[in-house]
Full PDB file with SEQRES, HELIX, SHEET, SSBOND, CRYST1, ORIGX, SCALE, CONECT and MASTER records, all heavy atoms in Angstrom:
SEQRES   1 A   30  CYS ARG ILE SER ALA GLN GLY CYS THR ARG SER PRO CYS          
SEQRES   2 A   30  GLY ILE GLY ALA MET CYS TYR GLU THR THR GLY GLY ARG          
SEQRES   3 A   30  PRO VAL CYS SER                                              
HELIX    1 AA1 ARG A    2  GLN A    6  1                                   5    
SHEET    1 AA1 2 CYS A  19  GLU A  21  0                                        
SHEET    2 AA1 2 PRO A  27  CYS A  29 -1                                        
SSBOND   1 CYS A    8    CYS A   19                          1555   1555  1.91  
SSBOND   2 CYS A   13    CYS A   29                          1555   1555  1.86  
CRYST1    1.000    1.000    1.000  90.00  90.00  90.00 P 1           1          
ORIGX1      1.000000  0.000000  0.000000        0.00000                         
ORIGX2      0.000000  1.000000  0.000000        0.00000                         
ORIGX3      0.000000  0.000000  1.000000        0.00000                         
SCALE1      1.000000  0.000000  0.000000        0.00000                         
SCALE2      0.000000  1.000000  0.000000        0.00000                         
SCALE3      0.000000  0.000000  1.000000        0.00000                         
ATOM      1  N   CYS A   1      37.402 256.403  76.323  1.00  0.00           N  
ATOM      2  CA  CYS A   1      38.244 255.552  77.181  1.00  0.00           C  
ATOM      3  C   CYS A   1      37.667 255.457  78.570  1.00  0.00           C  
ATOM      4  O   CYS A   1      37.674 254.394  79.199  1.00  0.00           O  
ATOM      5  CB  CYS A   1      39.676 256.102  77.242  1.00  0.00           C  
ATOM      6  SG  CYS A   1      40.554 255.915  75.666  1.00  0.00           S  
ATOM      7  N   ARG A   2      37.102 256.577  79.038  1.00  0.00           N  
ATOM      8  CA  ARG A   2      36.512 256.570  80.360  1.00  0.00           C  
ATOM      9  C   ARG A   2      35.269 255.724  80.393  1.00  0.00           C  
ATOM     10  O   ARG A   2      35.022 254.939  81.322  1.00  0.00           O  
ATOM     11  CB  ARG A   2      36.227 258.022  80.796  1.00  0.00           C  
ATOM     12  CG  ARG A   2      35.750 258.099  82.275  1.00  0.00           C  
ATOM     13  CD  ARG A   2      35.589 259.555  82.753  1.00  0.00           C  
ATOM     14  NE  ARG A   2      34.552 260.270  82.018  1.00  0.00           N  
ATOM     15  CZ  ARG A   2      34.803 261.245  81.171  1.00  0.00           C  
ATOM     16  NH1 ARG A   2      36.045 261.659  80.944  1.00  0.00           N  
ATOM     17  NH2 ARG A   2      33.805 261.842  80.546  1.00  0.00           N  
ATOM     18  N   ILE A   3      34.468 255.864  79.373  1.00  0.00           N  
ATOM     19  CA  ILE A   3      33.213 255.098  79.311  1.00  0.00           C  
ATOM     20  C   ILE A   3      33.515 253.616  79.216  1.00  0.00           C  
ATOM     21  O   ILE A   3      32.872 252.774  79.827  1.00  0.00           O  
ATOM     22  CB  ILE A   3      32.358 255.563  78.121  1.00  0.00           C  
ATOM     23  CG1 ILE A   3      31.840 256.978  78.356  1.00  0.00           C  
ATOM     24  CG2 ILE A   3      31.173 254.614  77.844  1.00  0.00           C  
ATOM     25  CD1 ILE A   3      31.120 257.599  77.176  1.00  0.00           C  
ATOM     26  N   SER A   4      34.524 253.304  78.414  1.00  0.00           N  
ATOM     27  CA  SER A   4      34.871 251.902  78.243  1.00  0.00           C  
ATOM     28  C   SER A   4      35.280 251.270  79.550  1.00  0.00           C  
ATOM     29  O   SER A   4      35.006 250.114  79.821  1.00  0.00           O  
ATOM     30  CB  SER A   4      35.992 251.775  77.201  1.00  0.00           C  
ATOM     31  OG  SER A   4      36.397 250.453  77.057  1.00  0.00           O  
ATOM     32  N   ALA A   5      35.885 252.043  80.372  1.00  0.00           N  
ATOM     33  CA  ALA A   5      36.337 251.508  81.659  1.00  0.00           C  
ATOM     34  C   ALA A   5      35.184 251.268  82.598  1.00  0.00           C  
ATOM     35  O   ALA A   5      35.208 250.379  83.444  1.00  0.00           O  
ATOM     36  CB  ALA A   5      37.368 252.449  82.280  1.00  0.00           C  
ATOM     37  N   GLN A   6      34.089 252.076  82.465  1.00  0.00           N  
ATOM     38  CA  GLN A   6      32.976 251.975  83.395  1.00  0.00           C  
ATOM     39  C   GLN A   6      31.786 251.272  82.802  1.00  0.00           C  
ATOM     40  O   GLN A   6      30.777 251.039  83.471  1.00  0.00           O  
ATOM     41  CB  GLN A   6      32.562 253.380  83.851  1.00  0.00           C  
ATOM     42  CG  GLN A   6      33.681 254.100  84.593  1.00  0.00           C  
ATOM     43  CD  GLN A   6      33.301 255.519  84.970  1.00  0.00           C  
ATOM     44  OE1 GLN A   6      32.258 256.014  84.516  1.00  0.00           O  
ATOM     45  NE2 GLN A   6      34.135 256.183  85.784  1.00  0.00           N  
ATOM     46  N   GLY A   7      31.746 250.871  81.432  1.00  0.00           N  
ATOM     47  CA  GLY A   7      30.605 250.204  80.789  1.00  0.00           C  
ATOM     48  C   GLY A   7      29.428 251.142  80.659  1.00  0.00           C  
ATOM     49  O   GLY A   7      29.570 252.368  80.534  1.00  0.00           O  
ATOM     50  N   CYS A   8      28.204 250.614  80.674  1.00  0.00           N  
ATOM     51  CA  CYS A   8      26.979 251.419  80.521  1.00  0.00           C  
ATOM     52  C   CYS A   8      26.440 251.908  81.853  1.00  0.00           C  
ATOM     53  O   CYS A   8      25.394 252.589  81.895  1.00  0.00           O  
ATOM     54  CB  CYS A   8      25.904 250.559  79.814  1.00  0.00           C  
ATOM     55  SG  CYS A   8      26.249 250.220  78.066  1.00  0.00           S  
ATOM     56  N   THR A   9      27.166 251.581  82.995  1.00  0.00           N  
ATOM     57  CA  THR A   9      26.635 251.937  84.313  1.00  0.00           C  
ATOM     58  C   THR A   9      26.587 253.422  84.529  1.00  0.00           C  
ATOM     59  O   THR A   9      25.758 253.922  85.296  1.00  0.00           O  
ATOM     60  CB  THR A   9      27.496 251.284  85.410  1.00  0.00           C  
ATOM     61  OG1 THR A   9      28.851 251.697  85.256  1.00  0.00           O  
ATOM     62  CG2 THR A   9      27.400 249.762  85.323  1.00  0.00           C  
ATOM     63  N   ARG A  10      27.451 254.174  83.911  1.00  0.00           N  
ATOM     64  CA  ARG A  10      27.477 255.621  84.124  1.00  0.00           C  
ATOM     65  C   ARG A  10      26.769 256.357  83.021  1.00  0.00           C  
ATOM     66  O   ARG A  10      26.962 257.548  82.846  1.00  0.00           O  
ATOM     67  CB  ARG A  10      28.930 256.103  84.226  1.00  0.00           C  
ATOM     68  CG  ARG A  10      29.636 255.531  85.483  1.00  0.00           C  
ATOM     69  CD  ARG A  10      31.029 256.107  85.598  1.00  0.00           C  
ATOM     70  NE  ARG A  10      31.037 257.510  85.729  1.00  0.00           N  
ATOM     71  CZ  ARG A  10      30.956 258.160  86.897  1.00  0.00           C  
ATOM     72  NH1 ARG A  10      30.891 257.481  88.047  1.00  0.00           N  
ATOM     73  NH2 ARG A  10      30.970 259.483  86.952  1.00  0.00           N  
ATOM     74  N   SER A  11      25.914 255.637  82.172  1.00  0.00           N  
ATOM     75  CA  SER A  11      25.149 256.257  81.073  1.00  0.00           C  
ATOM     76  C   SER A  11      26.057 257.072  80.182  1.00  0.00           C  
ATOM     77  O   SER A  11      25.986 258.315  80.136  1.00  0.00           O  
ATOM     78  CB  SER A  11      24.023 257.127  81.621  1.00  0.00           C  
ATOM     79  OG  SER A  11      23.112 256.360  82.383  1.00  0.00           O  
ATOM     80  N   PRO A  12      26.934 256.396  79.478  1.00  0.00           N  
ATOM     81  CA  PRO A  12      27.891 257.123  78.640  1.00  0.00           C  
ATOM     82  C   PRO A  12      27.302 257.700  77.358  1.00  0.00           C  
ATOM     83  O   PRO A  12      27.952 258.494  76.687  1.00  0.00           O  
ATOM     84  CB  PRO A  12      28.926 256.047  78.327  1.00  0.00           C  
ATOM     85  CG  PRO A  12      28.151 254.779  78.315  1.00  0.00           C  
ATOM     86  CD  PRO A  12      27.119 254.930  79.390  1.00  0.00           C  
ATOM     87  N   CYS A  13      26.042 257.282  76.975  1.00  0.00           N  
ATOM     88  CA  CYS A  13      25.471 257.710  75.680  1.00  0.00           C  
ATOM     89  C   CYS A  13      24.749 259.031  75.824  1.00  0.00           C  
ATOM     90  O   CYS A  13      24.421 259.489  76.923  1.00  0.00           O  
ATOM     91  CB  CYS A  13      24.527 256.625  75.162  1.00  0.00           C  
ATOM     92  SG  CYS A  13      25.367 255.052  74.889  1.00  0.00           S  
ATOM     93  N   GLY A  14      24.445 259.626  74.658  1.00  0.00           N  
ATOM     94  CA  GLY A  14      23.774 260.901  74.629  1.00  0.00           C  
ATOM     95  C   GLY A  14      22.288 260.773  74.954  1.00  0.00           C  
ATOM     96  O   GLY A  14      21.752 259.684  75.220  1.00  0.00           O  
ATOM     97  N   ILE A  15      21.605 261.920  74.894  1.00  0.00           N  
ATOM     98  CA  ILE A  15      20.179 261.979  75.236  1.00  0.00           C  
ATOM     99  C   ILE A  15      19.396 261.142  74.216  1.00  0.00           C  
ATOM    100  O   ILE A  15      19.556 261.291  73.012  1.00  0.00           O  
ATOM    101  CB  ILE A  15      19.694 263.429  75.233  1.00  0.00           C  
ATOM    102  CG1 ILE A  15      20.460 264.248  76.271  1.00  0.00           C  
ATOM    103  CG2 ILE A  15      18.183 263.521  75.464  1.00  0.00           C  
ATOM    104  CD1 ILE A  15      20.185 265.751  76.208  1.00  0.00           C  
ATOM    105  N   GLY A  16      18.534 260.278  74.753  1.00  0.00           N  
ATOM    106  CA  GLY A  16      17.657 259.470  73.905  1.00  0.00           C  
ATOM    107  C   GLY A  16      18.343 258.314  73.237  1.00  0.00           C  
ATOM    108  O   GLY A  16      17.702 257.539  72.515  1.00  0.00           O  
ATOM    109  N   ALA A  17      19.683 258.149  73.539  1.00  0.00           N  
ATOM    110  CA  ALA A  17      20.404 257.065  72.896  1.00  0.00           C  
ATOM    111  C   ALA A  17      20.296 255.785  73.709  1.00  0.00           C  
ATOM    112  O   ALA A  17      19.931 255.807  74.885  1.00  0.00           O  
ATOM    113  CB  ALA A  17      21.862 257.450  72.689  1.00  0.00           C  
ATOM    114  N   MET A  18      20.633 254.667  73.091  1.00  0.00           N  
ATOM    115  CA  MET A  18      20.612 253.363  73.735  1.00  0.00           C  
ATOM    116  C   MET A  18      22.046 252.876  73.860  1.00  0.00           C  
ATOM    117  O   MET A  18      22.885 253.136  72.998  1.00  0.00           O  
ATOM    118  CB  MET A  18      19.791 252.367  72.911  1.00  0.00           C  
ATOM    119  CG  MET A  18      18.322 252.751  72.794  1.00  0.00           C  
ATOM    120  SD  MET A  18      17.393 251.578  71.738  1.00  0.00           S  
ATOM    121  CE  MET A  18      17.578 250.088  72.704  1.00  0.00           C  
ATOM    122  N   CYS A  19      22.313 252.130  75.012  1.00  0.00           N  
ATOM    123  CA  CYS A  19      23.660 251.644  75.280  1.00  0.00           C  
ATOM    124  C   CYS A  19      23.626 250.124  75.359  1.00  0.00           C  
ATOM    125  O   CYS A  19      22.775 249.536  76.044  1.00  0.00           O  
ATOM    126  CB  CYS A  19      24.188 252.242  76.596  1.00  0.00           C  
ATOM    127  SG  CYS A  19      25.892 251.737  76.960  1.00  0.00           S  
ATOM    128  N   TYR A  20      24.608 249.502  74.696  1.00  0.00           N  
ATOM    129  CA  TYR A  20      24.754 248.046  74.729  1.00  0.00           C  
ATOM    130  C   TYR A  20      26.207 247.726  75.059  1.00  0.00           C  
ATOM    131  O   TYR A  20      27.104 248.469  74.639  1.00  0.00           O  
ATOM    132  CB  TYR A  20      24.390 247.419  73.376  1.00  0.00           C  
ATOM    133  CG  TYR A  20      22.971 247.702  72.963  1.00  0.00           C  
ATOM    134  CD1 TYR A  20      22.684 248.801  72.154  1.00  0.00           C  
ATOM    135  CD2 TYR A  20      21.939 246.853  73.375  1.00  0.00           C  
ATOM    136  CE1 TYR A  20      21.379 249.047  71.773  1.00  0.00           C  
ATOM    137  CE2 TYR A  20      20.635 247.109  72.988  1.00  0.00           C  
ATOM    138  CZ  TYR A  20      20.346 248.193  72.181  1.00  0.00           C  
ATOM    139  OH  TYR A  20      19.070 248.446  71.806  1.00  0.00           O  
ATOM    140  N   GLU A  21      26.456 246.699  75.831  1.00  0.00           N  
ATOM    141  CA  GLU A  21      27.812 246.292  76.181  1.00  0.00           C  
ATOM    142  C   GLU A  21      28.199 245.085  75.330  1.00  0.00           C  
ATOM    143  O   GLU A  21      27.414 244.145  75.174  1.00  0.00           O  
ATOM    144  CB  GLU A  21      27.918 245.929  77.653  1.00  0.00           C  
ATOM    145  CG  GLU A  21      27.781 247.132  78.587  1.00  0.00           C  
ATOM    146  CD  GLU A  21      28.002 246.749  80.045  1.00  0.00           C  
ATOM    147  OE1 GLU A  21      28.275 245.536  80.296  1.00  0.00           O  
ATOM    148  OE2 GLU A  21      27.914 247.633  80.896  1.00  0.00           O  
ATOM    149  N   THR A  22      29.430 245.125  74.825  1.00  0.00           N  
ATOM    150  CA  THR A  22      29.950 244.008  74.058  1.00  0.00           C  
ATOM    151  C   THR A  22      30.376 242.912  74.999  1.00  0.00           C  
ATOM    152  O   THR A  22      30.304 243.058  76.231  1.00  0.00           O  
ATOM    153  CB  THR A  22      31.139 244.457  73.198  1.00  0.00           C  
ATOM    154  OG1 THR A  22      32.194 244.857  74.080  1.00  0.00           O  
ATOM    155  CG2 THR A  22      30.761 245.604  72.278  1.00  0.00           C  
ATOM    156  N   THR A  23      30.887 241.829  74.446  1.00  0.00           N  
ATOM    157  CA  THR A  23      31.310 240.694  75.277  1.00  0.00           C  
ATOM    158  C   THR A  23      32.417 241.107  76.237  1.00  0.00           C  
ATOM    159  O   THR A  23      32.475 240.660  77.386  1.00  0.00           O  
ATOM    160  CB  THR A  23      31.807 239.558  74.376  1.00  0.00           C  
ATOM    161  OG1 THR A  23      30.779 239.206  73.453  1.00  0.00           O  
ATOM    162  CG2 THR A  23      32.183 238.320  75.192  1.00  0.00           C  
ATOM    163  N   GLY A  24      33.265 242.039  75.836  1.00  0.00           N  
ATOM    164  CA  GLY A  24      34.355 242.499  76.705  1.00  0.00           C  
ATOM    165  C   GLY A  24      33.933 243.595  77.672  1.00  0.00           C  
ATOM    166  O   GLY A  24      34.791 244.205  78.319  1.00  0.00           O  
ATOM    167  N   GLY A  25      32.630 243.928  77.693  1.00  0.00           N  
ATOM    168  CA  GLY A  25      32.147 244.958  78.614  1.00  0.00           C  
ATOM    169  C   GLY A  25      32.230 246.347  78.058  1.00  0.00           C  
ATOM    170  O   GLY A  25      31.956 247.339  78.753  1.00  0.00           O  
ATOM    171  N   ARG A  26      32.559 246.469  76.793  1.00  0.00           N  
ATOM    172  CA  ARG A  26      32.672 247.794  76.161  1.00  0.00           C  
ATOM    173  C   ARG A  26      31.296 248.282  75.796  1.00  0.00           C  
ATOM    174  O   ARG A  26      30.507 247.562  75.187  1.00  0.00           O  
ATOM    175  CB  ARG A  26      33.558 247.703  74.938  1.00  0.00           C  
ATOM    176  CG  ARG A  26      33.758 249.053  74.276  1.00  0.00           C  
ATOM    177  CD  ARG A  26      34.574 248.866  73.029  1.00  0.00           C  
ATOM    178  NE  ARG A  26      34.720 250.131  72.335  1.00  0.00           N  
ATOM    179  CZ  ARG A  26      35.187 250.281  71.107  1.00  0.00           C  
ATOM    180  NH1 ARG A  26      35.552 249.171  70.432  1.00  0.00           N  
ATOM    181  NH2 ARG A  26      35.311 251.470  70.562  1.00  0.00           N  
ATOM    182  N   PRO A  27      30.944 249.554  76.166  1.00  0.00           N  
ATOM    183  CA  PRO A  27      29.613 250.085  75.829  1.00  0.00           C  
ATOM    184  C   PRO A  27      29.552 250.503  74.355  1.00  0.00           C  
ATOM    185  O   PRO A  27      30.524 250.992  73.806  1.00  0.00           O  
ATOM    186  CB  PRO A  27      29.476 251.278  76.765  1.00  0.00           C  
ATOM    187  CG  PRO A  27      30.876 251.761  76.963  1.00  0.00           C  
ATOM    188  CD  PRO A  27      31.736 250.524  76.981  1.00  0.00           C  
ATOM    189  N   VAL A  28      28.366 250.278  73.754  1.00  0.00           N  
ATOM    190  CA  VAL A  28      28.113 250.695  72.364  1.00  0.00           C  
ATOM    191  C   VAL A  28      26.838 251.501  72.345  1.00  0.00           C  
ATOM    192  O   VAL A  28      25.770 251.027  72.801  1.00  0.00           O  
ATOM    193  CB  VAL A  28      27.960 249.486  71.431  1.00  0.00           C  
ATOM    194  CG1 VAL A  28      27.630 249.959  70.020  1.00  0.00           C  
ATOM    195  CG2 VAL A  28      29.239 248.657  71.418  1.00  0.00           C  
ATOM    196  N   CYS A  29      26.896 252.768  71.840  1.00  0.00           N  
ATOM    197  CA  CYS A  29      25.748 253.672  71.817  1.00  0.00           C  
ATOM    198  C   CYS A  29      25.103 253.681  70.428  1.00  0.00           C  
ATOM    199  O   CYS A  29      25.801 253.655  69.408  1.00  0.00           O  
ATOM    200  CB  CYS A  29      26.181 255.079  72.199  1.00  0.00           C  
ATOM    201  SG  CYS A  29      26.891 255.218  73.843  1.00  0.00           S  
ATOM    202  N   SER A  30      23.768 253.726  70.402  1.00  0.00           N  
ATOM    203  CA  SER A  30      23.044 253.796  69.121  1.00  0.00           C  
ATOM    204  C   SER A  30      21.697 254.445  69.341  1.00  0.00           C  
ATOM    205  O   SER A  30      21.131 254.378  70.438  1.00  0.00           O  
ATOM    206  CB  SER A  30      22.859 252.402  68.528  1.00  0.00           C  
ATOM    207  OG  SER A  30      22.025 251.629  69.363  1.00  0.00           O  
TER     208      SER A  30                                                      
CONECT   55  127                                                                
CONECT   92  201                                                                
CONECT  127   55                                                                
CONECT  201   92                                                                
MASTER        0    0    0    1    2    0    0    6  207    1    4    3          
END                                                                             
């Protein structure tokens, strides 16, 4: 919930992971 509020700007993903934002600004880690 916290990450969703801040998007990928605060690096919400784990080490070595990649972050993508959806159309609504929600971050997606892979």
